[in-house]
């Protein structure tokens, strides 16, 4: 551990309290059964752990040199929603403990890299929100930081703007009628509006929008949703939308 904010002190091996307790209990039980003092030192290692850790968020959380040994219950389900959400919570805790007042929750790697460059953010300020916008906002409501930027592509932020808190394609869908309505209000022709309503991808809608500030309008609507979900928490918010190349196409702030 090299950064404060998690359940372990800086300088400790990255083994969570529950696995530590489980090991200590087993050692104590065996020692009692055999009349031994139980003065045991346990060394844990993970094959290729340092290489595997490069594919995790460990470095961002200040966990260096290999994989951490996790489990608040003693059991971790890989790639589970609960594990991802726990990582978001830990990221917020680490950022707060490091005194970073500005964090960014990004839906993916492109938007994360782009928002980091836009705002000049530290590595520890980047929260891999993914599809879990609701989990991020709920935790920040209880553990507020000074500033939050939401970053994502047009499709994901469109769903957020429509009130969805889970942005996964299997659990929420883009409302193309709503996007068509935005275009109508921006002055698009009825023919273009109808084509947008019948579109099957957000990329097609953006192409139809042309120079009309559709992404800007969606970002502004998403900002309102985020503000509402934070229930008046004292957090400065902005919402950014990037295209697939990482170009900023929509940005809204109070």
C-alpha atoms as a PDB file:
ATOM      1  CA  UNK A   1       0.000   0.000   0.000  1.00  0.00           C
ATOM      2  CA  UNK A   2       1.404   3.381  -1.007  1.00  0.00           C
ATOM      3  CA  UNK A   3      -1.629   5.683  -0.718  1.00  0.00           C
ATOM      4  CA  UNK A   4      -4.023   6.362   2.176  1.00  0.00           C
ATOM      5  CA  UNK A   5      -7.789   6.008   1.935  1.00  0.00           C
ATOM      6  CA  UNK A   6      -8.339   2.258   1.968  1.00  0.00           C
ATOM      7  CA  UNK A   7      -8.772  -0.094   4.906  1.00  0.00           C
ATOM      8  CA  UNK A   8      -5.010  -0.707   5.257  1.00  0.00           C
ATOM      9  CA  UNK A   9      -2.193   1.595   6.302  1.00  0.00           C
ATOM     10  CA  UNK A  10       0.498   2.823   3.918  1.00  0.00           C
ATOM     11  CA  UNK A  11       3.386   0.345   3.888  1.00  0.00           C
ATOM     12  CA  UNK A  12       1.204  -2.682   4.667  1.00  0.00           C
ATOM     13  CA  UNK A  13       0.933  -5.654   2.323  1.00  0.00           C
ATOM     14  CA  UNK A  14      -2.241  -5.319   0.235  1.00  0.00           C
ATOM     15  CA  UNK A  15      -4.163  -8.085   1.982  1.00  0.00           C
ATOM     16  CA  UNK A  16      -7.642  -7.040   3.080  1.00  0.00           C
ATOM     17  CA  UNK A  17      -8.708  -7.300   6.739  1.00  0.00           C
ATOM     18  CA  UNK A  18     -11.129 -10.179   6.196  1.00  0.00           C
ATOM     19  CA  UNK A  19      -8.601 -12.540   4.524  1.00  0.00           C
ATOM     20  CA  UNK A  20      -6.113 -11.605   7.269  1.00  0.00           C
ATOM     21  CA  UNK A  21      -8.650 -12.471   9.940  1.00  0.00           C
ATOM     22  CA  UNK A  22      -9.531 -15.755   8.257  1.00  0.00           C
ATOM     23  CA  UNK A  23      -5.871 -16.793   8.118  1.00  0.00           C
ATOM     24  CA  UNK A  24      -5.244 -15.742  11.720  1.00  0.00           C
ATOM     25  CA  UNK A  25      -8.274 -17.738  12.884  1.00  0.00           C
ATOM     26  CA  UNK A  26      -7.081 -20.870  11.074  1.00  0.00           C
ATOM     27  CA  UNK A  27      -3.588 -20.538  12.546  1.00  0.00           C
ATOM     28  CA  UNK A  28      -5.000 -19.999  16.057  1.00  0.00           C
ATOM     29  CA  UNK A  29      -7.292 -23.019  15.709  1.00  0.00           C
ATOM     30  CA  UNK A  30      -4.493 -25.298  14.513  1.00  0.00           C
ATOM     31  CA  UNK A  31      -2.098 -23.986  17.157  1.00  0.00           C
ATOM     32  CA  UNK A  32      -4.635 -24.695  19.907  1.00  0.00           C
ATOM     33  CA  UNK A  33      -5.288 -28.179  18.567  1.00  0.00           C
ATOM     34  CA  UNK A  34      -1.576 -29.038  18.594  1.00  0.00           C
ATOM     35  CA  UNK A  35      -0.533 -27.136  21.698  1.00  0.00           C
ATOM     36  CA  UNK A  36       1.695 -24.823  19.669  1.00  0.00           C
ATOM     37  CA  UNK A  37       2.236 -21.079  20.234  1.00  0.00           C
ATOM     38  CA  UNK A  38       0.892 -20.097  16.807  1.00  0.00           C
ATOM     39  CA  UNK A  39       3.814 -17.781  16.114  1.00  0.00           C
ATOM     40  CA  UNK A  40       3.517 -18.053  12.335  1.00  0.00           C
ATOM     41  CA  UNK A  41       4.500 -15.798   9.460  1.00  0.00           C
ATOM     42  CA  UNK A  42       2.491 -16.294   6.269  1.00  0.00           C
ATOM     43  CA  UNK A  43       3.782 -15.211   2.864  1.00  0.00           C
ATOM     44  CA  UNK A  44       1.315 -14.989  -0.013  1.00  0.00           C
ATOM     45  CA  UNK A  45       2.266 -14.758  -3.670  1.00  0.00           C
ATOM     46  CA  UNK A  46       0.364 -14.778  -6.961  1.00  0.00           C
ATOM     47  CA  UNK A  47       1.986 -16.281 -10.036  1.00  0.00           C
ATOM     48  CA  UNK A  48       2.652 -13.474 -12.553  1.00  0.00           C
ATOM     49  CA  UNK A  49       0.942 -11.118 -10.124  1.00  0.00           C
ATOM     50  CA  UNK A  50       2.911  -8.043 -11.133  1.00  0.00           C
ATOM     51  CA  UNK A  51       2.153  -8.639 -14.806  1.00  0.00           C
ATOM     52  CA  UNK A  52      -1.535  -9.315 -14.136  1.00  0.00           C
ATOM     53  CA  UNK A  53      -1.812  -6.219 -11.947  1.00  0.00           C
ATOM     54  CA  UNK A  54      -1.076  -4.049 -14.984  1.00  0.00           C
ATOM     55  CA  UNK A  55      -4.582  -4.953 -16.207  1.00  0.00           C
ATOM     56  CA  UNK A  56      -6.271  -3.834 -12.969  1.00  0.00           C
ATOM     57  CA  UNK A  57      -6.912  -0.535 -11.164  1.00  0.00           C
ATOM     58  CA  UNK A  58      -4.407  -1.417  -8.428  1.00  0.00           C
ATOM     59  CA  UNK A  59      -1.824   1.218  -9.370  1.00  0.00           C
ATOM     60  CA  UNK A  60      -4.493   3.909  -9.380  1.00  0.00           C
ATOM     61  CA  UNK A  61      -5.385   2.928  -5.817  1.00  0.00           C
ATOM     62  CA  UNK A  62      -1.742   2.989  -4.751  1.00  0.00           C
ATOM     63  CA  UNK A  63      -1.317  -0.804  -4.685  1.00  0.00           C
ATOM     64  CA  UNK A  64       2.031  -1.534  -6.308  1.00  0.00           C
ATOM     65  CA  UNK A  65       4.077  -4.617  -7.067  1.00  0.00           C
ATOM     66  CA  UNK A  66       1.376  -7.188  -7.753  1.00  0.00           C
ATOM     67  CA  UNK A  67      -2.209  -8.244  -7.183  1.00  0.00           C
ATOM     68  CA  UNK A  68      -4.004  -7.418  -3.952  1.00  0.00           C
ATOM     69  CA  UNK A  69      -5.712 -10.068  -1.830  1.00  0.00           C
ATOM     70  CA  UNK A  70      -9.318  -8.936  -1.544  1.00  0.00           C
ATOM     71  CA  UNK A  71     -12.614  -9.947  -0.011  1.00  0.00           C
ATOM     72  CA  UNK A  72     -14.709  -8.054   2.512  1.00  0.00           C
ATOM     73  CA  UNK A  73     -16.557 -11.322   3.063  1.00  0.00           C
ATOM     74  CA  UNK A  74     -13.634 -13.578   2.218  1.00  0.00           C
ATOM     75  CA  UNK A  75     -15.026 -14.338  -1.242  1.00  0.00           C
ATOM     76  CA  UNK A  76     -14.574 -12.297  -4.419  1.00  0.00           C
ATOM     77  CA  UNK A  77     -16.625 -12.943  -7.566  1.00  0.00           C
ATOM     78  CA  UNK A  78     -14.455 -11.834 -10.531  1.00  0.00           C
ATOM     79  CA  UNK A  79     -16.032  -9.254 -12.835  1.00  0.00           C
ATOM     80  CA  UNK A  80     -19.137  -9.013 -10.660  1.00  0.00           C
ATOM     81  CA  UNK A  81     -21.151  -5.812 -10.422  1.00  0.00           C
ATOM     82  CA  UNK A  82     -20.485  -5.733  -6.682  1.00  0.00           C
ATOM     83  CA  UNK A  83     -16.713  -5.919  -7.203  1.00  0.00           C
ATOM     84  CA  UNK A  84     -16.784  -3.111  -9.776  1.00  0.00           C
ATOM     85  CA  UNK A  85     -18.893  -0.887  -7.523  1.00  0.00           C
ATOM     86  CA  UNK A  86     -16.574  -1.592  -4.592  1.00  0.00           C
ATOM     87  CA  UNK A  87     -13.657  -0.427  -6.759  1.00  0.00           C
ATOM     88  CA  UNK A  88     -15.514   2.826  -7.496  1.00  0.00           C
ATOM     89  CA  UNK A  89     -16.026   3.380  -3.765  1.00  0.00           C
ATOM     90  CA  UNK A  90     -12.358   2.693  -3.069  1.00  0.00           C
ATOM     91  CA  UNK A  91     -11.322   5.098  -5.803  1.00  0.00           C
ATOM     92  CA  UNK A  92     -13.376   7.883  -4.228  1.00  0.00           C
ATOM     93  CA  UNK A  93     -11.929   7.107  -0.785  1.00  0.00           C
ATOM     94  CA  UNK A  94      -8.363   7.176  -2.102  1.00  0.00           C
ATOM     95  CA  UNK A  95      -8.936  10.438  -3.975  1.00  0.00           C
ATOM     96  CA  UNK A  96     -10.411  12.019  -0.858  1.00  0.00           C
ATOM     97  CA  UNK A  97      -7.609  10.825   1.385  1.00  0.00           C
ATOM     98  CA  UNK A  98      -5.054  12.142  -1.112  1.00  0.00           C
ATOM     99  CA  UNK A  99      -6.689  15.572  -0.983  1.00  0.00           C
ATOM    100  CA  UNK A 100      -7.822  15.484  -4.609  1.00  0.00           C
ATOM    101  CA  UNK A 101     -10.914  17.664  -4.726  1.00  0.00           C
ATOM    102  CA  UNK A 102     -11.656  16.981  -8.415  1.00  0.00           C
ATOM    103  CA  UNK A 103     -12.500  13.476  -9.650  1.00  0.00           C
ATOM    104  CA  UNK A 104     -13.823  12.202 -12.970  1.00  0.00           C
ATOM    105  CA  UNK A 105     -16.100   9.241 -13.554  1.00  0.00           C
ATOM    106  CA  UNK A 106     -15.659   7.891 -17.074  1.00  0.00           C
ATOM    107  CA  UNK A 107     -17.659   5.299 -18.975  1.00  0.00           C
ATOM    108  CA  UNK A 108     -14.647   3.936 -20.865  1.00  0.00           C
ATOM    109  CA  UNK A 109     -10.965   4.276 -21.695  1.00  0.00           C
ATOM    110  CA  UNK A 110     -11.376   6.800 -24.525  1.00  0.00           C
ATOM    111  CA  UNK A 111     -13.413   9.207 -22.435  1.00  0.00           C
ATOM    112  CA  UNK A 112     -11.133   8.643 -19.441  1.00  0.00           C
ATOM    113  CA  UNK A 113      -8.008   9.594 -21.399  1.00  0.00           C
ATOM    114  CA  UNK A 114      -9.779  12.558 -22.956  1.00  0.00           C
ATOM    115  CA  UNK A 115     -11.149  13.964 -19.700  1.00  0.00           C
ATOM    116  CA  UNK A 116      -7.804  13.524 -18.003  1.00  0.00           C
ATOM    117  CA  UNK A 117      -6.175  15.641 -20.720  1.00  0.00           C
ATOM    118  CA  UNK A 118      -9.007  18.175 -20.668  1.00  0.00           C
ATOM    119  CA  UNK A 119      -8.803  18.854 -16.940  1.00  0.00           C
ATOM    120  CA  UNK A 120      -5.179  17.865 -16.245  1.00  0.00           C
ATOM    121  CA  UNK A 121      -6.198  15.262 -13.676  1.00  0.00           C
ATOM    122  CA  UNK A 122      -3.956  12.999 -11.607  1.00  0.00           C
ATOM    123  CA  UNK A 123      -4.174   9.223 -12.063  1.00  0.00           C
ATOM    124  CA  UNK A 124      -5.824   8.830  -8.653  1.00  0.00           C
ATOM    125  CA  UNK A 125      -8.574  11.280  -9.677  1.00  0.00           C
ATOM    126  CA  UNK A 126      -9.850   8.939 -12.405  1.00  0.00           C
ATOM    127  CA  UNK A 127     -12.774   6.703 -11.460  1.00  0.00           C
ATOM    128  CA  UNK A 128     -13.583   3.849 -13.821  1.00  0.00           C
ATOM    129  CA  UNK A 129     -17.324   4.369 -13.535  1.00  0.00           C
ATOM    130  CA  UNK A 130     -18.204   2.187 -16.503  1.00  0.00           C
ATOM    131  CA  UNK A 131     -21.952   1.626 -16.607  1.00  0.00           C
ATOM    132  CA  UNK A 132     -22.463   2.271 -12.883  1.00  0.00           C
ATOM    133  CA  UNK A 133     -23.383   5.954 -12.850  1.00  0.00           C
ATOM    134  CA  UNK A 134     -25.915   5.410 -10.081  1.00  0.00           C
ATOM    135  CA  UNK A 135     -23.386   3.717  -7.792  1.00  0.00           C
ATOM    136  CA  UNK A 136     -20.904   6.559  -8.307  1.00  0.00           C
ATOM    137  CA  UNK A 137     -23.439   9.293  -7.580  1.00  0.00           C
ATOM    138  CA  UNK A 138     -24.955   7.514  -4.587  1.00  0.00           C
ATOM    139  CA  UNK A 139     -21.548   7.116  -2.927  1.00  0.00           C
ATOM    140  CA  UNK A 140     -20.477  10.682  -3.689  1.00  0.00           C
ATOM    141  CA  UNK A 141     -23.717  11.948  -2.206  1.00  0.00           C
ATOM    142  CA  UNK A 142     -22.636  10.415   1.118  1.00  0.00           C
ATOM    143  CA  UNK A 143     -18.896  11.101   0.672  1.00  0.00           C
ATOM    144  CA  UNK A 144     -18.758  14.362  -1.288  1.00  0.00           C
ATOM    145  CA  UNK A 145     -15.675  15.795  -2.943  1.00  0.00           C
ATOM    146  CA  UNK A 146     -15.366  19.340  -4.214  1.00  0.00           C
ATOM    147  CA  UNK A 147     -15.801  18.621  -7.928  1.00  0.00           C
ATOM    148  CA  UNK A 148     -17.061  15.828 -10.176  1.00  0.00           C
ATOM    149  CA  UNK A 149     -16.764  15.484 -13.947  1.00  0.00           C
ATOM    150  CA  UNK A 150     -18.820  12.851 -15.740  1.00  0.00           C
ATOM    151  CA  UNK A 151     -17.226  11.763 -19.021  1.00  0.00           C
ATOM    152  CA  UNK A 152     -18.490   9.440 -21.696  1.00  0.00           C
ATOM    153  CA  UNK A 153     -19.455   8.824 -25.279  1.00  0.00           C
ATOM    154  CA  UNK A 154     -22.656  10.121 -26.810  1.00  0.00           C
ATOM    155  CA  UNK A 155     -24.630   6.886 -26.406  1.00  0.00           C
ATOM    156  CA  UNK A 156     -23.882   6.385 -22.704  1.00  0.00           C
ATOM    157  CA  UNK A 157     -24.427  10.028 -21.770  1.00  0.00           C
ATOM    158  CA  UNK A 158     -27.685  10.034 -23.776  1.00  0.00           C
ATOM    159  CA  UNK A 159     -28.957   7.248 -21.527  1.00  0.00           C
ATOM    160  CA  UNK A 160     -27.810   9.140 -18.436  1.00  0.00           C
ATOM    161  CA  UNK A 161     -29.613  12.230 -19.736  1.00  0.00           C
ATOM    162  CA  UNK A 162     -32.780  10.148 -20.011  1.00  0.00           C
ATOM    163  CA  UNK A 163     -32.508   9.219 -16.328  1.00  0.00           C
ATOM    164  CA  UNK A 164     -30.864   5.795 -16.527  1.00  0.00           C
ATOM    165  CA  UNK A 165     -28.410   5.041 -13.724  1.00  0.00           C
ATOM    166  CA  UNK A 166     -27.231   1.718 -15.173  1.00  0.00           C
ATOM    167  CA  UNK A 167     -25.805   2.439 -18.628  1.00  0.00           C
ATOM    168  CA  UNK A 168     -25.221  -1.178 -19.692  1.00  0.00           C
ATOM    169  CA  UNK A 169     -26.718  -2.012 -23.076  1.00  0.00           C
ATOM    170  CA  UNK A 170     -28.526  -4.996 -21.588  1.00  0.00           C
ATOM    171  CA  UNK A 171     -30.219  -2.945 -18.870  1.00  0.00           C
ATOM    172  CA  UNK A 172     -31.055   0.369 -20.529  1.00  0.00           C
ATOM    173  CA  UNK A 173     -31.695   1.625 -24.035  1.00  0.00           C
ATOM    174  CA  UNK A 174     -31.284   4.934 -25.827  1.00  0.00           C
ATOM    175  CA  UNK A 175     -34.590   6.705 -26.401  1.00  0.00           C
ATOM    176  CA  UNK A 176     -34.342   7.718 -30.049  1.00  0.00           C
ATOM    177  CA  UNK A 177     -37.647   9.567 -29.849  1.00  0.00           C
ATOM    178  CA  UNK A 178     -36.133  11.775 -27.158  1.00  0.00           C
ATOM    179  CA  UNK A 179     -33.094  12.486 -29.351  1.00  0.00           C
ATOM    180  CA  UNK A 180     -35.400  13.272 -32.256  1.00  0.00           C
ATOM    181  CA  UNK A 181     -37.263  15.655 -29.958  1.00  0.00           C
ATOM    182  CA  UNK A 182     -34.011  17.462 -29.179  1.00  0.00           C
ATOM    183  CA  UNK A 183     -33.332  17.859 -32.875  1.00  0.00           C
ATOM    184  CA  UNK A 184     -36.800  19.236 -33.445  1.00  0.00           C
ATOM    185  CA  UNK A 185     -36.278  21.820 -30.716  1.00  0.00           C
ATOM    186  CA  UNK A 186     -32.919  22.724 -32.270  1.00  0.00           C
ATOM    187  CA  UNK A 187     -34.671  23.557 -35.539  1.00  0.00           C
ATOM    188  CA  UNK A 188     -34.116  20.404 -37.588  1.00  0.00           C
ATOM    189  CA  UNK A 189     -36.501  19.714 -40.441  1.00  0.00           C
ATOM    190  CA  UNK A 190     -39.428  17.323 -39.874  1.00  0.00           C
ATOM    191  CA  UNK A 191     -37.865  14.891 -42.355  1.00  0.00           C
ATOM    192  CA  UNK A 192     -34.577  14.831 -40.452  1.00  0.00           C
ATOM    193  CA  UNK A 193     -36.399  14.476 -37.144  1.00  0.00           C
ATOM    194  CA  UNK A 194     -38.307  11.447 -38.455  1.00  0.00           C
ATOM    195  CA  UNK A 195     -35.087   9.854 -39.703  1.00  0.00           C
ATOM    196  CA  UNK A 196     -33.541  10.341 -36.272  1.00  0.00           C
ATOM    197  CA  UNK A 197     -36.560   8.774 -34.594  1.00  0.00           C
ATOM    198  CA  UNK A 198     -36.205   5.703 -36.801  1.00  0.00           C
ATOM    199  CA  UNK A 199     -32.411   5.442 -36.384  1.00  0.00           C
ATOM    200  CA  UNK A 200     -30.851   2.350 -34.886  1.00  0.00           C
ATOM    201  CA  UNK A 201     -27.619   3.893 -33.597  1.00  0.00           C
ATOM    202  CA  UNK A 202     -26.621   7.076 -31.811  1.00  0.00           C
ATOM    203  CA  UNK A 203     -23.812   7.514 -34.332  1.00  0.00           C
ATOM    204  CA  UNK A 204     -26.405   7.802 -37.069  1.00  0.00           C
ATOM    205  CA  UNK A 205     -28.308  10.425 -35.070  1.00  0.00           C
ATOM    206  CA  UNK A 206     -25.143  12.455 -34.529  1.00  0.00           C
ATOM    207  CA  UNK A 207     -24.422  12.312 -38.245  1.00  0.00           C
ATOM    208  CA  UNK A 208     -27.938  13.539 -38.973  1.00  0.00           C
ATOM    209  CA  UNK A 209     -27.515  16.385 -36.487  1.00  0.00           C
ATOM    210  CA  UNK A 210     -24.580  17.784 -38.435  1.00  0.00           C
ATOM    211  CA  UNK A 211     -23.717  21.206 -37.015  1.00  0.00           C
ATOM    212  CA  UNK A 212     -26.688  21.284 -34.658  1.00  0.00           C
ATOM    213  CA  UNK A 213     -25.457  21.218 -31.022  1.00  0.00           C
ATOM    214  CA  UNK A 214     -27.163  17.938 -30.142  1.00  0.00           C
ATOM    215  CA  UNK A 215     -24.331  16.624 -27.954  1.00  0.00           C
ATOM    216  CA  UNK A 216     -24.242  19.925 -26.069  1.00  0.00           C
ATOM    217  CA  UNK A 217     -27.964  19.695 -25.405  1.00  0.00           C
ATOM    218  CA  UNK A 218     -27.656  16.081 -24.200  1.00  0.00           C
ATOM    219  CA  UNK A 219     -24.772  17.037 -21.899  1.00  0.00           C
ATOM    220  CA  UNK A 220     -26.900  19.809 -20.380  1.00  0.00           C
ATOM    221  CA  UNK A 221     -29.787  17.410 -19.788  1.00  0.00           C
ATOM    222  CA  UNK A 222     -27.430  14.862 -18.208  1.00  0.00           C
ATOM    223  CA  UNK A 223     -26.064  17.591 -15.939  1.00  0.00           C
ATOM    224  CA  UNK A 224     -29.565  18.202 -14.615  1.00  0.00           C
ATOM    225  CA  UNK A 225     -30.042  14.508 -13.917  1.00  0.00           C
ATOM    226  CA  UNK A 226     -26.722  14.296 -12.055  1.00  0.00           C
ATOM    227  CA  UNK A 227     -27.542  17.359  -9.974  1.00  0.00           C
ATOM    228  CA  UNK A 228     -30.906  15.852  -9.055  1.00  0.00           C
ATOM    229  CA  UNK A 229     -29.358  12.511  -8.059  1.00  0.00           C
ATOM    230  CA  UNK A 230     -26.800  14.213  -5.809  1.00  0.00           C
ATOM    231  CA  UNK A 231     -29.683  15.660  -3.772  1.00  0.00           C
ATOM    232  CA  UNK A 232     -28.106  19.050  -3.166  1.00  0.00           C
ATOM    233  CA  UNK A 233     -24.659  17.763  -2.154  1.00  0.00           C
ATOM    234  CA  UNK A 234     -22.068  20.544  -2.284  1.00  0.00           C
ATOM    235  CA  UNK A 235     -20.257  19.247  -5.380  1.00  0.00           C
ATOM    236  CA  UNK A 236     -19.399  21.265  -8.489  1.00  0.00           C
ATOM    237  CA  UNK A 237     -20.393  19.189 -11.527  1.00  0.00           C
ATOM    238  CA  UNK A 238     -19.685  19.192 -15.230  1.00  0.00           C
ATOM    239  CA  UNK A 239     -20.595  16.668 -17.924  1.00  0.00           C
ATOM    240  CA  UNK A 240     -18.432  16.006 -20.964  1.00  0.00           C
ATOM    241  CA  UNK A 241     -19.184  14.032 -24.126  1.00  0.00           C
ATOM    242  CA  UNK A 242     -16.395  12.796 -26.392  1.00  0.00           C
ATOM    243  CA  UNK A 243     -16.534  11.168 -29.798  1.00  0.00           C
ATOM    244  CA  UNK A 244     -14.754   7.901 -30.592  1.00  0.00           C
ATOM    245  CA  UNK A 245     -11.524   9.772 -31.338  1.00  0.00           C
ATOM    246  CA  UNK A 246     -11.591  11.520 -27.965  1.00  0.00           C
ATOM    247  CA  UNK A 247     -12.704  14.904 -29.343  1.00  0.00           C
ATOM    248  CA  UNK A 248     -14.917  16.959 -27.018  1.00  0.00           C
ATOM    249  CA  UNK A 249     -18.343  17.389 -28.650  1.00  0.00           C
ATOM    250  CA  UNK A 250     -20.480  18.381 -25.667  1.00  0.00           C
ATOM    251  CA  UNK A 251     -19.711  20.064 -22.336  1.00  0.00           C
ATOM    252  CA  UNK A 252     -22.159  21.336 -19.748  1.00  0.00           C
ATOM    253  CA  UNK A 253     -21.609  22.966 -16.368  1.00  0.00           C
ATOM    254  CA  UNK A 254     -23.741  25.206 -14.138  1.00  0.00           C
END
